[in-house]
Amino acid sequence: MADLVALSHAALAGMAAAVWLLRRVRRGARAPLAAPVTLRVGGVPEHFNLPWKDAIEPLARLGVRVEWSDQPNGTGAMTKGLREGALDVAIVLTEGIVADLAKGNPSLLVAQYVQSPLRWGVHVAYGSRFNSIGELRGRRFGISRPGSGSHLMAYVLAKQHGWDLAALKFVVVGGLEQARGAFAASQIDAYMWEEFTTKPLVHSGEWRCVGVCTTPWPCFAVAATKAVLAEHADAVGLALDAVRSAAARFKARPDESVRRVSEVYGITPDDARAWFAITEWSRGAGMDEQMLQGVAHTLRGVGVLTEDVDVSAMTFALP
């Protein structure tokens, strides 16, 4: 019964958001599309993306059909989806998409999505003998896939702690659920993932968080394939307008939003409130090229990139 009540609360909140958002977008500068357009959009199944889900219904009435797909394996899987044409748009970690664009991904950055940095929890199995980040030097880090945030941020962590980058050991395990199995089978010693997403595993006594590594840049950006931008840049722009409006509504209703996050993602109200307090969604269009240059410089410094890149060629200004 409690689960049904929680689902009802979340559904009602989502419907209210859809009605409010449709009215707001209709008052905006962009007109509904003359002909319907479908956008295949991917993002991690985490609390950050609730505004995208709130925007789906009102966008459909404006001519943009968002086919949302949860991407539990994270940014590495989504950059692959963009490369292979399985996704039109992806909400990806800033460092992950910069690294992949530098390596030829046929996509472009169209907007920052979440402006605040990401707090990467550094996790070990509950019964592990490791109690600090320093003790993980030379140990096996599980990653979701090459090029993923868990992979790239392990380099950033190592650089911050003065470790030999060449000595890092990686084990590809997949997403969060696969990492649980890898810990249970003693295949990995550490796994980095967003701190609040893993709180239920920490509270249950399955994992411990021995430290946090915070990104020195905004965490999530929106990338779209060059193909979809060539044909449907107006639809992408309309979608982002709607998502920004949904995020503004979400942030303006803290009690309702904290309750939804707690109910939908199984996070305690206190943890949901702490996450909500430090999370800011981007209010503007476009990308900060100076910030992107800093990301590229860091990736070069840890050996992920081997040469300087022109970040201005990675962005697209929506009409």
Protein backbone atom coordinates (compact mmCIF):
# COMPACT_ATOMS: atom_id res chain seq x y z
CA MET A 1 0.00 0.00 0.00
CA ALA A 2 2.83 2.42 0.86
CA ASP A 3 4.34 1.80 -2.58
CA LEU A 4 1.01 2.60 -4.25
CA VAL A 5 0.67 5.81 -2.26
CA ALA A 6 4.22 6.83 -3.20
CA LEU A 7 3.52 6.07 -6.86
CA SER A 8 0.31 8.10 -6.69
CA HIS A 9 2.09 11.10 -5.20
CA ALA A 10 4.82 10.94 -7.85
CA ALA A 11 2.28 10.54 -10.68
CA LEU A 12 0.18 13.48 -9.49
CA ALA A 13 3.27 15.66 -9.19
CA GLY A 14 4.30 14.68 -12.69
CA MET A 15 0.86 15.49 -14.14
CA ALA A 16 0.80 18.87 -12.41
CA ALA A 17 4.24 19.62 -13.80
CA ALA A 18 3.09 18.70 -17.32
CA VAL A 19 0.07 21.03 -17.23
CA TRP A 20 2.10 23.93 -15.83
CA LEU A 21 4.91 23.37 -18.31
CA LEU A 22 2.66 23.24 -21.36
CA ARG A 23 1.17 26.61 -20.44
CA ARG A 24 4.61 28.13 -19.88
CA VAL A 25 6.15 26.83 -23.11
CA ARG A 26 3.14 28.01 -25.14
CA ARG A 27 3.81 31.50 -23.81
CA GLY A 28 7.47 31.26 -24.86
CA ALA A 29 9.25 32.50 -27.95
CA ARG A 30 9.18 29.23 -29.91
CA ALA A 31 6.06 28.14 -31.78
CA PRO A 32 4.88 24.50 -31.90
CA LEU A 33 6.34 22.52 -34.79
CA ALA A 34 4.42 22.43 -38.05
CA ALA A 35 5.10 18.69 -38.41
CA PRO A 36 5.78 16.22 -35.56
CA VAL A 37 9.39 15.21 -34.89
CA THR A 38 10.64 12.26 -32.84
CA LEU A 39 13.81 12.66 -30.77
CA ARG A 40 15.46 9.58 -29.26
CA VAL A 41 16.89 10.87 -25.99
CA GLY A 42 19.02 8.99 -23.48
CA GLY A 43 20.06 9.76 -19.92
CA VAL A 44 21.05 8.01 -16.72
CA PRO A 45 18.13 6.75 -14.59
CA GLU A 46 18.87 9.23 -11.83
CA HIS A 47 17.16 12.13 -10.08
CA PHE A 48 18.95 14.73 -12.25
CA ASN A 49 16.74 13.79 -15.19
CA LEU A 50 13.30 14.23 -13.64
CA PRO A 51 12.86 17.57 -15.50
CA TRP A 52 13.33 15.74 -18.80
CA LYS A 53 10.61 13.28 -17.87
CA ASP A 54 8.33 16.14 -16.79
CA ALA A 55 8.78 17.72 -20.22
CA ILE A 56 7.82 14.67 -22.30
CA GLU A 57 4.02 15.06 -22.23
CA PRO A 58 3.82 18.81 -22.93
CA LEU A 59 6.45 18.50 -25.66
CA ALA A 60 4.31 15.88 -27.41
CA ARG A 61 1.50 18.44 -27.62
CA LEU A 62 3.95 20.89 -29.18
CA GLY A 63 5.05 18.46 -31.88
CA VAL A 64 8.16 16.94 -30.28
CA ARG A 65 7.84 13.28 -29.41
CA VAL A 66 10.61 12.39 -26.95
CA GLU A 67 11.45 8.68 -26.92
CA TRP A 68 13.27 8.55 -23.60
CA SER A 69 15.56 5.62 -22.79
CA ASP A 70 17.22 5.08 -19.43
CA GLN A 71 20.96 4.47 -19.82
CA PRO A 72 22.15 2.68 -16.66
CA ASN A 73 25.65 2.15 -18.07
CA GLY A 74 26.22 5.89 -18.23
CA THR A 75 28.09 8.26 -20.50
CA GLY A 76 30.28 5.69 -22.24
CA ALA A 77 27.20 3.81 -23.41
CA MET A 78 25.54 7.03 -24.56
CA THR A 79 28.51 8.29 -26.56
CA LYS A 80 28.46 4.89 -28.28
CA GLY A 81 24.73 5.34 -28.92
CA LEU A 82 25.36 8.75 -30.49
CA ARG A 83 28.16 7.35 -32.65
CA GLU A 84 26.05 4.43 -33.88
CA GLY A 85 22.89 6.46 -34.48
CA ALA A 86 20.89 4.76 -31.74
CA LEU A 87 20.39 8.11 -29.97
CA ASP A 88 19.69 11.58 -31.33
CA VAL A 89 20.27 13.43 -28.06
CA ALA A 90 22.04 12.42 -24.86
CA ILE A 91 22.41 13.95 -21.41
CA VAL A 92 26.03 13.10 -20.70
CA LEU A 93 28.82 13.91 -18.30
CA THR A 94 30.72 16.95 -19.53
CA GLU A 95 34.15 15.32 -19.29
CA GLY A 96 32.96 12.17 -21.04
CA ILE A 97 31.49 13.91 -24.05
CA VAL A 98 34.46 16.28 -24.43
CA ALA A 99 36.79 13.26 -24.50
CA ASP A 100 34.67 11.45 -27.08
CA LEU A 101 34.11 14.49 -29.30
CA ALA A 102 37.88 14.93 -29.39
CA LYS A 103 38.09 11.36 -30.69
CA GLY A 104 35.66 11.88 -33.56
CA ASN A 105 32.14 11.45 -32.19
CA PRO A 106 29.82 12.91 -34.89
CA SER A 107 27.86 15.01 -32.40
CA LEU A 108 27.96 18.52 -30.97
CA LEU A 109 27.30 20.10 -27.59
CA VAL A 110 24.15 22.23 -27.61
CA ALA A 111 23.65 23.17 -23.95
CA GLN A 112 24.79 22.71 -20.39
CA TYR A 113 22.11 20.82 -18.47
CA VAL A 114 23.21 20.70 -14.82
CA GLN A 115 25.35 23.65 -13.79
CA SER A 116 26.56 22.33 -10.44
CA PRO A 117 29.48 19.87 -10.18
CA LEU A 118 29.03 16.16 -9.58
CA ARG A 119 30.08 14.53 -6.33
CA TRP A 120 31.64 11.18 -7.15
CA GLY A 121 31.56 8.82 -4.21
CA VAL A 122 34.57 6.51 -3.97
CA HIS A 123 33.09 3.22 -2.82
CA VAL A 124 34.41 -0.05 -1.44
CA ALA A 125 32.64 -3.20 -0.30
CA TYR A 126 31.39 -2.94 3.27
CA GLY A 127 33.76 -5.65 4.51
CA SER A 128 36.76 -4.27 2.62
CA ARG A 129 39.99 -3.54 4.48
CA PHE A 130 40.26 -0.15 2.73
CA ASN A 131 39.19 2.87 4.77
CA SER A 132 40.48 5.85 2.80
CA ILE A 133 41.15 6.96 -0.76
CA GLY A 134 44.90 6.86 -0.11
CA GLU A 135 44.74 3.13 0.59
CA LEU A 136 43.33 2.50 -2.91
CA ARG A 137 46.55 3.42 -4.69
CA GLY A 138 47.40 0.65 -7.15
CA ARG A 139 44.10 -1.15 -6.52
CA ARG A 140 41.47 -2.33 -9.02
CA PHE A 141 38.89 0.29 -9.95
CA GLY A 142 35.70 -0.98 -11.50
CA ILE A 143 34.41 1.12 -14.40
CA SER A 144 31.18 0.95 -16.35
CA ARG A 145 32.99 1.04 -19.71
CA PRO A 146 36.02 2.75 -21.32
CA GLY A 147 35.41 6.47 -21.71
CA SER A 148 32.73 6.53 -19.03
CA GLY A 149 32.64 8.99 -16.16
CA SER A 150 33.74 6.28 -13.73
CA HIS A 151 36.77 5.71 -15.97
CA LEU A 152 37.74 9.35 -16.57
CA MET A 153 37.17 10.47 -12.99
CA ALA A 154 39.45 7.72 -11.70
CA TYR A 155 42.23 9.49 -13.60
CA VAL A 156 41.23 12.82 -12.06
CA LEU A 157 41.20 11.21 -8.61
CA ALA A 158 44.64 9.71 -9.20
CA LYS A 159 46.03 13.04 -10.39
CA GLN A 160 44.65 14.82 -7.31
CA HIS A 161 46.36 12.29 -5.04
CA GLY A 162 49.69 12.18 -6.87
CA TRP A 163 49.40 8.58 -8.05
CA ASP A 164 51.22 7.14 -11.05
CA LEU A 165 48.57 7.31 -13.78
CA ALA A 166 50.21 4.51 -15.74
CA ALA A 167 49.77 2.19 -12.76
CA LEU A 168 45.98 2.54 -12.60
CA LYS A 169 44.16 -0.77 -12.86
CA PHE A 170 40.68 -0.91 -14.41
CA VAL A 171 38.11 -3.68 -14.57
CA VAL A 172 35.13 -3.15 -16.89
CA VAL A 173 32.07 -4.27 -14.94
CA GLY A 174 29.13 -2.26 -16.31
CA GLY A 175 26.69 -0.10 -14.39
CA LEU A 176 25.67 0.06 -10.77
CA GLU A 177 23.98 -3.34 -10.58
CA GLN A 178 26.94 -5.06 -12.22
CA ALA A 179 29.31 -3.29 -9.83
CA ARG A 180 27.42 -4.83 -6.91
CA GLY A 181 28.12 -8.27 -8.32
CA ALA A 182 31.75 -7.42 -8.99
CA PHE A 183 32.25 -6.36 -5.37
CA ALA A 184 30.52 -9.52 -4.14
CA ALA A 185 32.82 -11.64 -6.31
CA SER A 186 35.93 -9.71 -5.13
CA GLN A 187 36.70 -8.69 -8.71
CA ILE A 188 37.20 -5.00 -7.88
CA ASP A 189 38.46 -2.95 -4.94
CA ALA A 190 36.75 0.39 -5.66
CA TYR A 191 33.98 1.89 -7.77
CA MET A 192 33.17 5.55 -8.36
CA TRP A 193 29.55 6.64 -8.83
CA GLU A 194 27.37 9.63 -8.01
CA GLU A 195 27.30 9.94 -4.23
CA PHE A 196 23.56 10.22 -3.68
CA THR A 197 22.54 7.53 -6.17
CA THR A 198 24.56 5.02 -4.14
CA LYS A 199 23.28 6.17 -0.73
CA PRO A 200 20.81 3.25 -0.44
CA LEU A 201 23.68 0.77 -0.89
CA VAL A 202 25.71 2.58 1.77
CA HIS A 203 22.83 2.80 4.23
CA SER A 204 22.02 -0.90 3.76
CA GLY A 205 25.56 -1.91 4.71
CA GLU A 206 26.48 -3.31 1.30
CA TRP A 207 28.99 -0.59 0.40
CA ARG A 208 31.03 2.06 2.19
CA CYS A 209 31.94 5.48 0.82
CA VAL A 210 35.55 6.27 1.77
CA GLY A 211 35.73 9.67 0.09
CA VAL A 212 34.36 12.04 -2.52
CA CYS A 213 35.89 13.46 -5.71
CA THR A 214 34.07 16.54 -7.00
CA THR A 215 34.30 17.55 -10.65
CA PRO A 216 35.85 21.01 -11.16
CA TRP A 217 33.23 21.81 -13.84
CA PRO A 218 29.44 21.61 -14.41
CA CYS A 219 28.46 17.98 -14.53
CA PHE A 220 25.86 17.24 -17.25
CA ALA A 221 25.69 18.58 -20.80
CA VAL A 222 23.37 17.93 -23.74
CA ALA A 223 24.84 16.54 -26.96
CA ALA A 224 23.02 15.96 -30.23
CA THR A 225 24.13 14.23 -33.40
CA LYS A 226 25.07 16.39 -36.36
CA ALA A 227 22.45 14.52 -38.36
CA VAL A 228 19.56 15.50 -36.09
CA LEU A 229 20.83 19.08 -35.83
CA ALA A 230 20.94 19.37 -39.62
CA GLU A 231 17.28 18.37 -39.93
CA HIS A 232 15.62 19.16 -36.61
CA ALA A 233 17.55 21.84 -34.73
CA ASP A 234 14.23 23.59 -34.06
CA ALA A 235 12.88 20.49 -32.31
CA VAL A 236 16.01 20.20 -30.18
CA GLY A 237 15.72 23.87 -29.25
CA LEU A 238 12.06 23.51 -28.31
CA ALA A 239 12.88 20.46 -26.20
CA LEU A 240 15.60 22.31 -24.31
CA ASP A 241 13.34 25.30 -23.69
CA ALA A 242 10.77 22.95 -22.19
CA VAL A 243 13.33 21.13 -20.07
CA ARG A 244 14.74 24.39 -18.71
CA SER A 245 11.21 25.45 -17.75
CA ALA A 246 10.61 22.06 -16.11
CA ALA A 247 13.87 22.36 -14.18
CA ALA A 248 12.94 25.85 -12.99
CA ARG A 249 9.61 24.54 -11.73
CA PHE A 250 11.29 21.56 -10.08
CA LYS A 251 13.77 23.81 -8.27
CA ALA A 252 11.06 26.28 -7.22
CA ARG A 253 9.08 23.58 -5.36
CA PRO A 254 11.60 22.07 -2.93
CA ASP A 255 9.20 20.14 -0.71
CA GLU A 256 7.37 18.52 -3.62
CA SER A 257 10.59 17.80 -5.52
CA VAL A 258 12.40 16.30 -2.53
CA ARG A 259 9.43 14.03 -1.90
CA ARG A 260 9.40 12.89 -5.53
CA VAL A 261 13.13 12.13 -5.54
CA SER A 262 12.80 10.15 -2.33
CA GLU A 263 9.78 8.19 -3.57
CA VAL A 264 10.96 7.48 -7.11
CA TYR A 265 14.62 6.68 -6.41
CA GLY A 266 14.48 5.15 -2.94
CA ILE A 267 16.65 7.85 -1.36
CA THR A 268 15.94 8.93 2.21
CA PRO A 269 14.25 12.34 2.52
CA ASP A 270 17.35 13.74 4.25
CA ASP A 271 19.62 12.55 1.43
CA ALA A 272 17.21 13.84 -1.21
CA ARG A 273 17.10 17.21 0.53
CA ALA A 274 20.91 17.39 0.71
CA TRP A 275 21.22 16.56 -2.99
CA PHE A 276 18.52 19.08 -3.93
CA ALA A 277 20.26 21.85 -1.98
CA ILE A 278 23.52 21.56 -3.95
CA THR A 279 22.08 20.91 -7.42
CA GLU A 280 21.50 23.71 -9.93
CA TRP A 281 20.19 23.31 -13.46
CA SER A 282 21.45 25.58 -16.20
CA ARG A 283 19.15 28.47 -17.05
CA GLY A 284 20.83 29.60 -20.24
CA ALA A 285 21.44 28.31 -23.73
CA GLY A 286 24.76 27.32 -25.24
CA MET A 287 28.06 26.23 -23.75
CA ASP A 288 30.86 28.01 -21.90
CA GLU A 289 33.88 27.45 -24.15
CA GLN A 290 36.33 28.61 -21.48
CA MET A 291 34.97 25.89 -19.18
CA LEU A 292 35.23 23.32 -21.98
CA GLN A 293 38.84 24.34 -22.55
CA GLY A 294 39.52 23.68 -18.88
CA VAL A 295 37.96 20.22 -19.17
CA ALA A 296 40.07 19.44 -22.23
CA HIS A 297 43.20 20.70 -20.47
CA THR A 298 42.51 18.42 -17.49
CA LEU A 299 41.88 15.43 -19.75
CA ARG A 300 45.17 16.13 -21.53
CA GLY A 301 46.93 16.41 -18.19
CA VAL A 302 45.80 12.96 -17.09
CA GLY A 303 46.60 11.38 -20.44
CA VAL A 304 43.05 10.78 -21.69
CA LEU A 305 43.71 13.21 -24.57
CA THR A 306 47.08 13.25 -26.29
CA GLU A 307 46.88 16.64 -28.02
CA ASP A 308 45.20 20.01 -27.74
CA VAL A 309 41.67 20.28 -29.13
CA ASP A 310 39.58 23.11 -30.55
CA VAL A 311 36.58 23.16 -28.22
CA SER A 312 34.81 25.79 -30.33
CA ALA A 313 34.38 23.10 -32.99
CA MET A 314 32.54 20.94 -30.44
CA THR A 315 29.57 23.28 -29.96
CA PHE A 316 26.43 24.20 -31.91
CA ALA A 317 24.36 27.35 -31.41
CA LEU A 318 20.68 26.46 -31.65
CA PRO A 319 18.48 28.89 -33.61
